[in-house]
Structure formats: C-alpha cells, structure tokens
Amino acid sequence: MNAPITKFIIGILSAMLSIAFTRLAIAYSQLPFNSEGRYVDAGSGIVFHQQSVLAFILAAIIFLFTASISFWRLWKYTHEK
C-alpha cells in the first residue's frame, strides 16, 4: 500500500477513535456514581465504574497522539519532495 494513503487512513481512524473515547469519557463522567464509585443501570443490570472514565481519557489521549504523529509524518512526507 502507498505510504501517504496508509498514514492518512491511520490518522483519520485514530482521530475518530479519539473523538469516540472522549465522548464516552464525557458521558460516563456525568453518571450519578455512588460513594463506592459505581453506577448500576437498573434496566440492563450493568455496573459502570468511575475508574473507567480515566481509562477512556487515557485511550483518547493515546489515539490523539497517534493521529498527530501520523498527520505530521504525512505532512513531512509530502513537503520533502
């Protein structure tokens, strides 16, 4: 596969995943957690933990960094010639 196309695809996918994890972190941070840091969804019986917000933020930062590096390398590749 062509190098610029690969860098572009990786950059776009990483940026989209970063946005998705950011939206999840914001949505989870607004849940009414109890004193133990848990939220139980009565309808489905799923327990959400407050620590998952930190994991989503970390994933968003990692994907944002990956997208930034990918787009920077793409810009560097296209402007070297």
Protein backbone atom coordinates (compact mmCIF):
# COMPACT_ATOMS: atom_id res chain seq x y z
CA MET A 1 0.00 0.00 0.00
CA ASN A 2 1.16 3.53 -0.71
CA ALA A 3 2.79 5.24 2.30
CA PRO A 4 0.79 8.53 2.20
CA ILE A 5 -2.52 6.70 1.97
CA THR A 6 -1.59 4.49 4.92
CA LYS A 7 -0.60 7.48 7.04
CA PHE A 8 -3.82 9.28 6.11
CA ILE A 9 -6.00 6.26 6.96
CA ILE A 10 -4.21 5.71 10.28
CA GLY A 11 -4.55 9.40 11.10
CA ILE A 12 -8.27 9.53 10.30
CA LEU A 13 -9.06 6.33 12.20
CA SER A 14 -7.03 7.46 15.21
CA ALA A 15 -8.74 10.86 15.23
CA MET A 16 -12.17 9.22 15.03
CA LEU A 17 -11.32 6.83 17.88
CA SER A 18 -10.01 9.74 19.95
CA ILE A 19 -13.30 11.58 19.46
CA ALA A 20 -15.29 8.45 20.33
CA PHE A 21 -13.36 7.82 23.55
CA THR A 22 -13.66 11.49 24.50
CA ARG A 23 -17.43 11.34 24.06
CA LEU A 24 -17.57 8.15 26.17
CA ALA A 25 -15.49 9.76 28.92
CA ILE A 26 -17.77 12.80 28.99
CA ALA A 27 -20.92 10.66 29.02
CA TYR A 28 -19.60 8.37 31.78
CA SER A 29 -18.34 11.26 33.90
CA GLN A 30 -21.89 12.63 34.12
CA LEU A 31 -23.39 9.42 35.56
CA PRO A 32 -24.56 9.59 39.19
CA PHE A 33 -21.95 7.32 40.82
CA ASN A 34 -22.48 6.22 44.41
CA SER A 35 -19.93 6.61 47.23
CA GLU A 36 -18.15 3.43 46.11
CA GLY A 37 -17.67 4.79 42.60
CA ARG A 38 -20.26 2.58 40.93
CA TYR A 39 -23.34 3.22 38.83
CA VAL A 40 -25.82 0.40 38.30
CA ASP A 41 -28.05 0.57 35.26
CA ALA A 42 -31.31 -0.88 36.55
CA GLY A 43 -32.62 -1.71 33.08
CA SER A 44 -29.71 -3.87 31.94
CA GLY A 45 -28.04 -4.68 35.26
CA ILE A 46 -24.68 -3.38 34.07
CA VAL A 47 -22.35 -1.85 36.65
CA PHE A 48 -20.23 1.08 35.48
CA HIS A 49 -17.15 2.02 37.50
CA GLN A 50 -15.89 5.55 37.93
CA GLN A 51 -12.34 4.41 37.08
CA SER A 52 -13.46 3.63 33.53
CA VAL A 53 -13.58 7.38 32.85
CA LEU A 54 -9.81 7.56 33.41
CA ALA A 55 -9.27 4.64 31.03
CA PHE A 56 -11.36 6.35 28.33
CA ILE A 57 -9.41 9.60 28.76
CA LEU A 58 -6.12 7.72 28.50
CA ALA A 59 -7.27 5.94 25.34
CA ALA A 60 -8.41 9.26 23.83
CA ILE A 61 -5.01 10.84 24.52
CA ILE A 62 -3.15 7.89 23.02
CA PHE A 63 -5.26 7.94 19.85
CA LEU A 64 -4.93 11.72 19.59
CA PHE A 65 -1.16 11.38 19.85
CA THR A 66 -1.18 8.65 17.19
CA ALA A 67 -3.27 10.82 14.86
CA SER A 68 -0.98 13.80 15.41
CA ILE A 69 2.15 11.79 14.64
CA SER A 70 0.53 10.24 11.58
CA PHE A 71 -0.57 13.59 10.14
CA TRP A 72 2.79 15.16 10.96
CA ARG A 73 4.62 12.36 9.14
CA LEU A 74 2.21 12.70 6.21
CA TRP A 75 2.86 16.46 6.03
CA LYS A 76 6.60 15.86 6.30
CA TYR A 77 6.46 13.21 3.54
CA THR A 78 4.52 15.44 1.15
CA HIS A 79 6.67 18.54 1.72
CA GLU A 80 10.09 16.86 1.40
CA LYS A 81 9.87 16.41 -2.36
